[in-house]
Amino acid sequence: MPEDLSRLCIHSITTKPWSLATALDKYAAAGVGGISVWQDAALATGLPEARKLLAASPVEVVSYVRGGFFPHRSREAREKAVTANRKMLDEAAEIGAPLLVLVCGAEPGQSLTESRKQIQAGIERLIPHAMETGVRLAIEPLHPMYADTRSAINTLAQANELAEAIDHDAVGIAVDVYHLWWDDGLESQILRSGAQRNLYAFHICDWKVPTMDMLNDRGLMGEGCIDVPRIRSWVEAAGFTGYYEVEIFSHAHWAKDQDFFLQEILAAYREKS
């Protein structure tokens, strides 16, 4: 990676102990180019204030995280999910975020096939509102360990098939190395996303060995077994020119002095990404 940090984006959840205002100040001082704002950080600040902070900052808002969770057994619950996602599109637009990342959801005990049908139907119903707000949608496939409740979309091939079936410019893909590094078809599927021009986001971190917590023990790039530079080369070959988004959930890293952790992020980005 170049010394220039203009294409580095950090998710607000990565430095979770900081408020949105503090994160923006610290990222800007370090030269970080972008921030992806998690809903909890925006709501804790208040959407009007969050918009003011983001508008005044040299740090660009890259995305809003996270919508989705469409599958449910009852029609009423599915309707509530669509309503909640419309609200998140409104929130994203209010703070100036151009993209809403979707963790698609799954319903325990319901077939993954049925959950995938419900995911497609839910996303399709959001398209008119996405167009009204000017906020695009990014389908993020999650590791199969989350197929019980978090996502029935578990491979990039499934995400590509879904995006291509929907076939709308408002809907694309978010590639997260934590969820996809293990897939032997990853290179071809990344290139497929690029060919369809629907590769909208690229998230980086690492898989620690051993991983002590499947949700909250992500590592810094170079701290685990993911070949981040190789995957990045595939993303670049696919024509991606967006931000490299550092997204880390980690009790160990949250417990650190966050100024020190930010310097670790910058070093890992430059040297291990």
C-alpha atoms as a PDB file:
ATOM      1  CA  MET A   1       0.000   0.000   0.000  1.00  0.00           C
ATOM      2  CA  PRO A   2       1.196   3.550  -0.658  1.00  0.00           C
ATOM      3  CA  GLU A   3       1.962   5.917   2.207  1.00  0.00           C
ATOM      4  CA  ASP A   4      -1.033   7.958   1.066  1.00  0.00           C
ATOM      5  CA  LEU A   5      -4.077   7.102   3.209  1.00  0.00           C
ATOM      6  CA  SER A   6      -6.659   8.738   0.963  1.00  0.00           C
ATOM      7  CA  ARG A   7      -8.240   5.376   0.040  1.00  0.00           C
ATOM      8  CA  LEU A   8      -8.234   4.069   3.599  1.00  0.00           C
ATOM      9  CA  CYS A   9     -11.659   3.943   5.240  1.00  0.00           C
ATOM     10  CA  ILE A  10     -12.206   2.891   8.847  1.00  0.00           C
ATOM     11  CA  HIS A  11     -15.556   1.660  10.147  1.00  0.00           C
ATOM     12  CA  SER A  12     -16.710   3.496  13.251  1.00  0.00           C
ATOM     13  CA  ILE A  13     -17.178   0.099  14.949  1.00  0.00           C
ATOM     14  CA  THR A  14     -13.433  -0.539  14.577  1.00  0.00           C
ATOM     15  CA  THR A  15     -12.640   2.193  17.096  1.00  0.00           C
ATOM     16  CA  LYS A  16     -15.879   1.581  18.991  1.00  0.00           C
ATOM     17  CA  PRO A  17     -14.845   3.347  22.244  1.00  0.00           C
ATOM     18  CA  TRP A  18     -14.646   6.672  20.374  1.00  0.00           C
ATOM     19  CA  SER A  19     -17.696   8.779  19.664  1.00  0.00           C
ATOM     20  CA  LEU A  20     -18.361   9.681  16.047  1.00  0.00           C
ATOM     21  CA  ALA A  21     -17.019  13.184  16.652  1.00  0.00           C
ATOM     22  CA  THR A  22     -13.804  11.878  18.192  1.00  0.00           C
ATOM     23  CA  ALA A  23     -13.327   9.277  15.468  1.00  0.00           C
ATOM     24  CA  LEU A  24     -13.721  11.900  12.744  1.00  0.00           C
ATOM     25  CA  ASP A  25     -11.213  14.216  14.417  1.00  0.00           C
ATOM     26  CA  LYS A  26      -8.675  11.431  14.941  1.00  0.00           C
ATOM     27  CA  TYR A  27      -9.078   9.973  11.443  1.00  0.00           C
ATOM     28  CA  ALA A  28      -8.773  13.404   9.837  1.00  0.00           C
ATOM     29  CA  ALA A  29      -5.628  14.220  11.813  1.00  0.00           C
ATOM     30  CA  ALA A  30      -4.090  10.930  10.663  1.00  0.00           C
ATOM     31  CA  GLY A  31      -4.965  11.566   7.004  1.00  0.00           C
ATOM     32  CA  VAL A  32      -7.544   8.776   6.734  1.00  0.00           C
ATOM     33  CA  GLY A  33      -9.751   9.342   3.697  1.00  0.00           C
ATOM     34  CA  GLY A  34     -13.059   7.746   4.662  1.00  0.00           C
ATOM     35  CA  ILE A  35     -15.354   6.481   7.390  1.00  0.00           C
ATOM     36  CA  SER A  36     -18.175   3.941   7.282  1.00  0.00           C
ATOM     37  CA  VAL A  37     -20.677   4.898   9.951  1.00  0.00           C
ATOM     38  CA  TRP A  38     -22.472   2.272  11.992  1.00  0.00           C
ATOM     39  CA  GLN A  39     -26.043   3.059  12.970  1.00  0.00           C
ATOM     40  CA  ASP A  40     -25.322   2.929  16.700  1.00  0.00           C
ATOM     41  CA  ALA A  41     -22.677   5.649  16.369  1.00  0.00           C
ATOM     42  CA  ALA A  42     -24.952   7.857  14.261  1.00  0.00           C
ATOM     43  CA  LEU A  43     -27.951   7.488  16.585  1.00  0.00           C
ATOM     44  CA  ALA A  44     -25.829   8.049  19.694  1.00  0.00           C
ATOM     45  CA  THR A  45     -24.662  11.331  18.167  1.00  0.00           C
ATOM     46  CA  GLY A  46     -28.070  12.210  16.735  1.00  0.00           C
ATOM     47  CA  LEU A  47     -28.624  12.214  12.990  1.00  0.00           C
ATOM     48  CA  PRO A  48     -28.722  16.010  12.527  1.00  0.00           C
ATOM     49  CA  GLU A  49     -25.495  16.431  14.495  1.00  0.00           C
ATOM     50  CA  ALA A  50     -23.896  13.469  12.716  1.00  0.00           C
ATOM     51  CA  ARG A  51     -24.697  15.083   9.378  1.00  0.00           C
ATOM     52  CA  LYS A  52     -23.123  18.368  10.492  1.00  0.00           C
ATOM     53  CA  LEU A  53     -19.989  16.614  11.738  1.00  0.00           C
ATOM     54  CA  LEU A  54     -19.608  14.600   8.546  1.00  0.00           C
ATOM     55  CA  ALA A  55     -20.286  17.576   6.293  1.00  0.00           C
ATOM     56  CA  ALA A  56     -17.634  19.617   8.100  1.00  0.00           C
ATOM     57  CA  SER A  57     -15.012  16.854   8.108  1.00  0.00           C
ATOM     58  CA  PRO A  58     -12.472  16.190   5.354  1.00  0.00           C
ATOM     59  CA  VAL A  59     -13.156  12.483   5.985  1.00  0.00           C
ATOM     60  CA  GLU A  60     -15.668  11.178   3.429  1.00  0.00           C
ATOM     61  CA  VAL A  61     -18.633   9.083   4.548  1.00  0.00           C
ATOM     62  CA  VAL A  62     -18.366   5.856   2.551  1.00  0.00           C
ATOM     63  CA  SER A  63     -21.294   3.773   3.764  1.00  0.00           C
ATOM     64  CA  TYR A  64     -23.922   3.251   6.455  1.00  0.00           C
ATOM     65  CA  VAL A  65     -23.948  -0.068   8.311  1.00  0.00           C
ATOM     66  CA  ARG A  66     -26.020  -2.236   8.527  1.00  0.00           C
ATOM     67  CA  GLY A  67     -29.428  -3.036   7.085  1.00  0.00           C
ATOM     68  CA  GLY A  68     -30.901  -6.363   6.034  1.00  0.00           C
ATOM     69  CA  PHE A  69     -32.322  -9.249   8.124  1.00  0.00           C
ATOM     70  CA  PHE A  70     -35.173  -9.880   5.710  1.00  0.00           C
ATOM     71  CA  PRO A  71     -36.168 -13.555   6.280  1.00  0.00           C
ATOM     72  CA  HIS A  72     -38.904 -14.345   8.775  1.00  0.00           C
ATOM     73  CA  ARG A  73     -41.593 -16.975   9.019  1.00  0.00           C
ATOM     74  CA  SER A  74     -44.423 -14.459   9.340  1.00  0.00           C
ATOM     75  CA  ARG A  75     -45.476 -11.940   6.709  1.00  0.00           C
ATOM     76  CA  GLU A  76     -45.838  -9.318   9.454  1.00  0.00           C
ATOM     77  CA  ALA A  77     -42.198  -9.714  10.506  1.00  0.00           C
ATOM     78  CA  ARG A  78     -41.049  -9.485   6.886  1.00  0.00           C
ATOM     79  CA  GLU A  79     -43.038  -6.259   6.490  1.00  0.00           C
ATOM     80  CA  LYS A  80     -41.386  -4.841   9.609  1.00  0.00           C
ATOM     81  CA  ALA A  81     -37.971  -5.695   8.166  1.00  0.00           C
ATOM     82  CA  VAL A  82     -38.717  -3.826   4.937  1.00  0.00           C
ATOM     83  CA  THR A  83     -39.977  -0.829   6.931  1.00  0.00           C
ATOM     84  CA  ALA A  84     -36.839  -0.870   9.105  1.00  0.00           C
ATOM     85  CA  ASN A  85     -34.637  -0.941   6.014  1.00  0.00           C
ATOM     86  CA  ARG A  86     -36.493   1.975   4.439  1.00  0.00           C
ATOM     87  CA  LYS A  87     -35.798   3.880   7.658  1.00  0.00           C
ATOM     88  CA  MET A  88     -32.118   3.005   7.408  1.00  0.00           C
ATOM     89  CA  LEU A  89     -32.048   4.286   3.831  1.00  0.00           C
ATOM     90  CA  ASP A  90     -33.508   7.551   5.137  1.00  0.00           C
ATOM     91  CA  GLU A  91     -30.870   7.685   7.874  1.00  0.00           C
ATOM     92  CA  ALA A  92     -28.077   6.995   5.377  1.00  0.00           C
ATOM     93  CA  ALA A  93     -29.344   9.787   3.146  1.00  0.00           C
ATOM     94  CA  GLU A  94     -29.614  12.174   6.092  1.00  0.00           C
ATOM     95  CA  ILE A  95     -25.950  11.764   7.017  1.00  0.00           C
ATOM     96  CA  GLY A  96     -24.839  11.788   3.381  1.00  0.00           C
ATOM     97  CA  ALA A  97     -23.878   8.118   3.068  1.00  0.00           C
ATOM     98  CA  PRO A  98     -24.122   6.826  -0.522  1.00  0.00           C
ATOM     99  CA  LEU A  99     -24.348   3.120   0.373  1.00  0.00           C
ATOM    100  CA  LEU A 100     -26.247   0.917   2.823  1.00  0.00           C
ATOM    101  CA  VAL A 101     -24.553  -2.399   3.599  1.00  0.00           C
ATOM    102  CA  LEU A 102     -26.930  -5.351   3.928  1.00  0.00           C
ATOM    103  CA  VAL A 103     -26.423  -8.284   6.278  1.00  0.00           C
ATOM    104  CA  CYS A 104     -29.209 -10.274   4.694  1.00  0.00           C
ATOM    105  CA  GLY A 105     -30.398 -12.426   7.582  1.00  0.00           C
ATOM    106  CA  ALA A 106     -31.656 -16.007   7.962  1.00  0.00           C
ATOM    107  CA  GLU A 107     -34.485 -17.684   9.838  1.00  0.00           C
ATOM    108  CA  PRO A 108     -33.537 -20.670  12.027  1.00  0.00           C
ATOM    109  CA  GLY A 109     -35.455 -23.787  11.076  1.00  0.00           C
ATOM    110  CA  GLN A 110     -36.499 -22.335   7.728  1.00  0.00           C
ATOM    111  CA  SER A 111     -34.746 -23.643   4.652  1.00  0.00           C
ATOM    112  CA  LEU A 112     -31.910 -21.512   3.339  1.00  0.00           C
ATOM    113  CA  THR A 113     -33.596 -21.655  -0.059  1.00  0.00           C
ATOM    114  CA  GLU A 114     -36.733 -20.022   1.345  1.00  0.00           C
ATOM    115  CA  SER A 115     -34.673 -17.454   3.252  1.00  0.00           C
ATOM    116  CA  ARG A 116     -32.863 -16.546   0.033  1.00  0.00           C
ATOM    117  CA  LYS A 117     -36.173 -16.046  -1.767  1.00  0.00           C
ATOM    118  CA  GLN A 118     -37.305 -13.746   1.035  1.00  0.00           C
ATOM    119  CA  ILE A 119     -34.023 -11.830   0.877  1.00  0.00           C
ATOM    120  CA  GLN A 120     -34.450 -11.211  -2.838  1.00  0.00           C
ATOM    121  CA  ALA A 121     -38.045 -10.111  -2.366  1.00  0.00           C
ATOM    122  CA  GLY A 122     -37.066  -7.755   0.458  1.00  0.00           C
ATOM    123  CA  ILE A 123     -34.259  -6.126  -1.493  1.00  0.00           C
ATOM    124  CA  GLU A 124     -36.451  -5.707  -4.566  1.00  0.00           C
ATOM    125  CA  ARG A 125     -39.024  -3.891  -2.463  1.00  0.00           C
ATOM    126  CA  LEU A 126     -36.344  -1.455  -1.278  1.00  0.00           C
ATOM    127  CA  ILE A 127     -35.219  -0.415  -4.751  1.00  0.00           C
ATOM    128  CA  PRO A 128     -37.793   2.370  -5.280  1.00  0.00           C
ATOM    129  CA  HIS A 129     -36.858   3.925  -1.928  1.00  0.00           C
ATOM    130  CA  ALA A 130     -33.160   3.492  -2.631  1.00  0.00           C
ATOM    131  CA  MET A 131     -33.636   5.419  -5.867  1.00  0.00           C
ATOM    132  CA  GLU A 132     -35.592   8.158  -4.082  1.00  0.00           C
ATOM    133  CA  THR A 133     -32.913   8.597  -1.429  1.00  0.00           C
ATOM    134  CA  GLY A 134     -29.947   8.170  -3.765  1.00  0.00           C
ATOM    135  CA  VAL A 135     -28.487   5.440  -1.517  1.00  0.00           C
ATOM    136  CA  ARG A 136     -27.353   2.193  -3.125  1.00  0.00           C
ATOM    137  CA  LEU A 137     -27.573  -1.242  -1.498  1.00  0.00           C
ATOM    138  CA  ALA A 138     -24.635  -3.646  -1.034  1.00  0.00           C
ATOM    139  CA  ILE A 139     -25.262  -7.346  -0.423  1.00  0.00           C
ATOM    140  CA  GLU A 140     -22.551  -8.631   1.928  1.00  0.00           C
ATOM    141  CA  PRO A 141     -22.128 -12.430   1.933  1.00  0.00           C
ATOM    142  CA  LEU A 142     -21.231 -13.766   5.385  1.00  0.00           C
ATOM    143  CA  HIS A 143     -19.158 -16.774   6.430  1.00  0.00           C
ATOM    144  CA  PRO A 144     -21.190 -20.017   6.584  1.00  0.00           C
ATOM    145  CA  MET A 145     -20.852 -20.056  10.381  1.00  0.00           C
ATOM    146  CA  TYR A 146     -23.509 -17.318  10.332  1.00  0.00           C
ATOM    147  CA  ALA A 147     -25.985 -19.190   8.128  1.00  0.00           C
ATOM    148  CA  ASP A 148     -28.252 -19.949  11.097  1.00  0.00           C
ATOM    149  CA  THR A 149     -29.408 -16.418  11.914  1.00  0.00           C
ATOM    150  CA  ARG A 150     -27.243 -13.726  10.307  1.00  0.00           C
ATOM    151  CA  SER A 151     -27.175 -14.544   6.610  1.00  0.00           C
ATOM    152  CA  ALA A 152     -28.366 -17.158   4.153  1.00  0.00           C
ATOM    153  CA  ILE A 153     -26.020 -15.543   1.595  1.00  0.00           C
ATOM    154  CA  ASN A 154     -22.717 -17.241   2.400  1.00  0.00           C
ATOM    155  CA  THR A 155     -20.586 -17.182  -0.746  1.00  0.00           C
ATOM    156  CA  LEU A 156     -19.733 -14.517  -3.261  1.00  0.00           C
ATOM    157  CA  ALA A 157     -21.236 -16.762  -5.946  1.00  0.00           C
ATOM    158  CA  GLN A 158     -24.596 -16.635  -4.136  1.00  0.00           C
ATOM    159  CA  ALA A 159     -24.322 -12.863  -3.752  1.00  0.00           C
ATOM    160  CA  ASN A 160     -23.470 -12.458  -7.434  1.00  0.00           C
ATOM    161  CA  GLU A 161     -26.390 -14.646  -8.449  1.00  0.00           C
ATOM    162  CA  LEU A 162     -28.715 -12.602  -6.258  1.00  0.00           C
ATOM    163  CA  ALA A 163     -27.472  -9.242  -7.557  1.00  0.00           C
ATOM    164  CA  GLU A 164     -27.669 -10.452 -11.150  1.00  0.00           C
ATOM    165  CA  ALA A 165     -31.204 -11.794 -10.632  1.00  0.00           C
ATOM    166  CA  ILE A 166     -32.286  -8.420  -9.236  1.00  0.00           C
ATOM    167  CA  ASP A 167     -30.406  -6.682 -12.069  1.00  0.00           C
ATOM    168  CA  HIS A 168     -30.549  -3.064 -10.925  1.00  0.00           C
ATOM    169  CA  ASP A 169     -27.812  -0.443 -10.557  1.00  0.00           C
ATOM    170  CA  ALA A 170     -29.044   0.298  -7.032  1.00  0.00           C
ATOM    171  CA  VAL A 171     -27.936  -3.175  -5.887  1.00  0.00           C
ATOM    172  CA  GLY A 172     -24.367  -4.459  -5.720  1.00  0.00           C
ATOM    173  CA  ILE A 173     -21.877  -6.422  -3.629  1.00  0.00           C
ATOM    174  CA  ALA A 174     -19.695  -5.828  -0.572  1.00  0.00           C
ATOM    175  CA  VAL A 175     -16.680  -8.158  -0.365  1.00  0.00           C
ATOM    176  CA  ASP A 176     -15.360  -8.765   3.168  1.00  0.00           C
ATOM    177  CA  VAL A 177     -12.177 -10.848   3.384  1.00  0.00           C
ATOM    178  CA  TYR A 178     -13.122 -12.167   6.840  1.00  0.00           C
ATOM    179  CA  HIS A 179     -16.141 -13.915   5.395  1.00  0.00           C
ATOM    180  CA  LEU A 180     -14.766 -15.037   2.032  1.00  0.00           C
ATOM    181  CA  TRP A 181     -11.024 -15.746   2.297  1.00  0.00           C
ATOM    182  CA  TRP A 182     -11.534 -19.523   2.474  1.00  0.00           C
ATOM    183  CA  ASP A 183     -13.441 -19.819  -0.838  1.00  0.00           C
ATOM    184  CA  ASP A 184     -11.387 -21.435  -3.644  1.00  0.00           C
ATOM    185  CA  GLY A 185     -13.621 -19.732  -6.204  1.00  0.00           C
ATOM    186  CA  LEU A 186     -13.116 -16.262  -4.754  1.00  0.00           C
ATOM    187  CA  GLU A 187     -10.884 -14.847  -7.482  1.00  0.00           C
ATOM    188  CA  SER A 188     -13.259 -15.763 -10.299  1.00  0.00           C
ATOM    189  CA  GLN A 189     -16.266 -14.473  -8.374  1.00  0.00           C
ATOM    190  CA  ILE A 190     -14.566 -11.144  -7.628  1.00  0.00           C
ATOM    191  CA  LEU A 191     -13.794 -10.784 -11.325  1.00  0.00           C
ATOM    192  CA  ARG A 192     -17.417 -11.676 -12.059  1.00  0.00           C
ATOM    193  CA  SER A 193     -18.557  -8.836  -9.776  1.00  0.00           C
ATOM    194  CA  GLY A 194     -16.210  -6.482 -11.562  1.00  0.00           C
ATOM    195  CA  ALA A 195     -17.492  -7.518 -14.968  1.00  0.00           C
ATOM    196  CA  GLN A 196     -21.046  -6.778 -13.811  1.00  0.00           C
ATOM    197  CA  ARG A 197     -19.894  -3.439 -12.378  1.00  0.00           C
ATOM    198  CA  ASN A 198     -21.535  -4.210  -9.067  1.00  0.00           C
ATOM    199  CA  LEU A 199     -18.524  -4.462  -6.740  1.00  0.00           C
ATOM    200  CA  TYR A 200     -19.436  -1.587  -4.417  1.00  0.00           C
ATOM    201  CA  ALA A 201     -17.342  -2.172  -1.275  1.00  0.00           C
ATOM    202  CA  PHE A 202     -14.225  -3.996  -0.037  1.00  0.00           C
ATOM    203  CA  HIS A 203     -13.718  -4.702   3.690  1.00  0.00           C
ATOM    204  CA  ILE A 204     -10.404  -5.838   5.174  1.00  0.00           C
ATOM    205  CA  CYS A 205      -9.188  -7.328   8.459  1.00  0.00           C
ATOM    206  CA  ASP A 206      -7.696 -10.727   9.382  1.00  0.00           C
ATOM    207  CA  TRP A 207      -8.673 -14.146  10.763  1.00  0.00           C
ATOM    208  CA  LYS A 208      -6.679 -14.824  13.929  1.00  0.00           C
ATOM    209  CA  VAL A 209      -5.328 -18.300  14.676  1.00  0.00           C
ATOM    210  CA  PRO A 210      -6.841 -19.490  16.894  1.00  0.00           C
ATOM    211  CA  THR A 211      -9.929 -17.325  16.767  1.00  0.00           C
ATOM    212  CA  MET A 212     -11.348 -17.128  20.276  1.00  0.00           C
ATOM    213  CA  ASP A 213     -14.679 -15.513  19.389  1.00  0.00           C
ATOM    214  CA  MET A 214     -16.285 -15.869  15.966  1.00  0.00           C
ATOM    215  CA  LEU A 215     -17.792 -12.380  16.124  1.00  0.00           C
ATOM    216  CA  ASN A 216     -15.544 -10.218  18.266  1.00  0.00           C
ATOM    217  CA  ASP A 217     -12.004 -11.492  17.721  1.00  0.00           C
ATOM    218  CA  ARG A 218     -11.092 -10.170  14.292  1.00  0.00           C
ATOM    219  CA  GLY A 219      -7.464  -9.293  13.722  1.00  0.00           C
ATOM    220  CA  LEU A 220      -5.537  -6.475  12.134  1.00  0.00           C
ATOM    221  CA  MET A 221      -4.248  -7.173   8.651  1.00  0.00           C
ATOM    222  CA  GLY A 222      -1.142  -9.346   9.027  1.00  0.00           C
ATOM    223  CA  GLU A 223      -2.259 -10.664  12.400  1.00  0.00           C
ATOM    224  CA  GLY A 224      -3.799 -13.870  11.055  1.00  0.00           C
ATOM    225  CA  CYS A 225      -4.009 -16.218   8.081  1.00  0.00           C
ATOM    226  CA  ILE A 226      -5.783 -14.179   5.370  1.00  0.00           C
ATOM    227  CA  ASP A 227      -3.677 -13.208   2.362  1.00  0.00           C
ATOM    228  CA  VAL A 228      -5.134  -9.713   2.176  1.00  0.00           C
ATOM    229  CA  PRO A 229      -2.702  -8.386  -0.475  1.00  0.00           C
ATOM    230  CA  ARG A 230      -3.572 -11.249  -2.813  1.00  0.00           C
ATOM    231  CA  ILE A 231      -7.310 -10.699  -2.460  1.00  0.00           C
ATOM    232  CA  ARG A 232      -6.778  -6.962  -2.898  1.00  0.00           C
ATOM    233  CA  SER A 233      -4.961  -7.678  -6.162  1.00  0.00           C
ATOM    234  CA  TRP A 234      -8.037  -9.560  -7.411  1.00  0.00           C
ATOM    235  CA  VAL A 235     -10.306  -6.688  -6.383  1.00  0.00           C
ATOM    236  CA  GLU A 236      -8.091  -4.224  -8.218  1.00  0.00           C
ATOM    237  CA  ALA A 237      -7.992  -6.501 -11.280  1.00  0.00           C
ATOM    238  CA  ALA A 238     -11.800  -6.402 -11.202  1.00  0.00           C
ATOM    239  CA  GLY A 239     -11.615  -2.629 -11.662  1.00  0.00           C
ATOM    240  CA  PHE A 240     -12.453  -1.592  -8.104  1.00  0.00           C
ATOM    241  CA  THR A 241     -11.324   1.974  -7.351  1.00  0.00           C
ATOM    242  CA  GLY A 242     -13.116   2.588  -4.071  1.00  0.00           C
ATOM    243  CA  TYR A 243     -11.998   2.593  -0.462  1.00  0.00           C
ATOM    244  CA  TYR A 244     -10.230  -0.170   1.454  1.00  0.00           C
ATOM    245  CA  GLU A 245     -12.446  -0.392   4.526  1.00  0.00           C
ATOM    246  CA  VAL A 246     -10.970  -1.625   7.796  1.00  0.00           C
ATOM    247  CA  GLU A 247     -13.768  -3.349   9.711  1.00  0.00           C
ATOM    248  CA  ILE A 248     -12.680  -4.986  12.951  1.00  0.00           C
ATOM    249  CA  PHE A 249     -14.798  -6.236  15.849  1.00  0.00           C
ATOM    250  CA  SER A 250     -12.435  -7.110  18.677  1.00  0.00           C
ATOM    251  CA  HIS A 251     -12.719  -6.987  22.453  1.00  0.00           C
ATOM    252  CA  ALA A 252      -8.917  -7.091  22.621  1.00  0.00           C
ATOM    253  CA  HIS A 253      -8.445  -4.130  20.291  1.00  0.00           C
ATOM    254  CA  TRP A 254     -11.310  -2.138  21.856  1.00  0.00           C
ATOM    255  CA  ALA A 255      -9.616  -2.540  25.252  1.00  0.00           C
ATOM    256  CA  LYS A 256      -6.483  -0.788  23.991  1.00  0.00           C
ATOM    257  CA  ASP A 257      -5.704   2.891  24.022  1.00  0.00           C
ATOM    258  CA  GLN A 258      -7.477   3.832  20.793  1.00  0.00           C
ATOM    259  CA  ASP A 259      -4.837   6.329  19.704  1.00  0.00           C
ATOM    260  CA  PHE A 260      -2.283   3.514  19.833  1.00  0.00           C
ATOM    261  CA  PHE A 261      -4.704   1.189  18.019  1.00  0.00           C
ATOM    262  CA  LEU A 262      -5.198   3.744  15.256  1.00  0.00           C
ATOM    263  CA  GLN A 263      -1.450   3.849  14.691  1.00  0.00           C
ATOM    264  CA  GLU A 264      -1.483   0.043  14.480  1.00  0.00           C
ATOM    265  CA  ILE A 265      -4.246   0.225  11.870  1.00  0.00           C
ATOM    266  CA  LEU A 266      -2.253   2.694   9.780  1.00  0.00           C
ATOM    267  CA  ALA A 267       0.881   0.527   9.956  1.00  0.00           C
ATOM    268  CA  ALA A 268      -1.035  -2.662   9.087  1.00  0.00           C
ATOM    269  CA  TYR A 269      -2.726  -0.906   6.180  1.00  0.00           C
ATOM    270  CA  ARG A 270       0.582   0.269   4.753  1.00  0.00           C
ATOM    271  CA  GLU A 271       2.607  -2.877   5.393  1.00  0.00           C
ATOM    272  CA  LYS A 272       0.204  -5.857   5.423  1.00  0.00           C
ATOM    273  CA  SER A 273      -2.619  -4.962   3.065  1.00  0.00           C
END
